Amino acid sequence: MFHELVAHGRNSGWDLAVSFSNDDGTYMSSLGAFVTGAPYVDEAIALKQGRLGRSLGRPAIRPAIARELIDEIRDGSVLYSWHPSISGALLR
């Protein structure tokens, strides 16, 4: 339905998210279901910096798509964040 850029938590890794946590204050990306939006999720920023800006721990999407995505998932769908390398040892 959507194919969007996503910013990850500032303590999850530099270019790619490699560490994850569901604990407050870690500033790592959380895995699971949630919704959010952020102005630093922008292709021009990614091209300039070589990566997107970083959130305080939740994946963030660009504001221009946030309302449409939220409206789309509101009645029963979820946004689920997953990473193929996750094992119990990587999730703090």
Foldseek 3Di string as FASTA:
>chain_A
DDDFQKAFFPQQDDADRPAAEPDPPPSGAHFFWDAAADQQRDPVNCVVVVHTDHDSHYIHTHPVCRVVVCVVCVPPHTDGGDDPVDDPVRYD
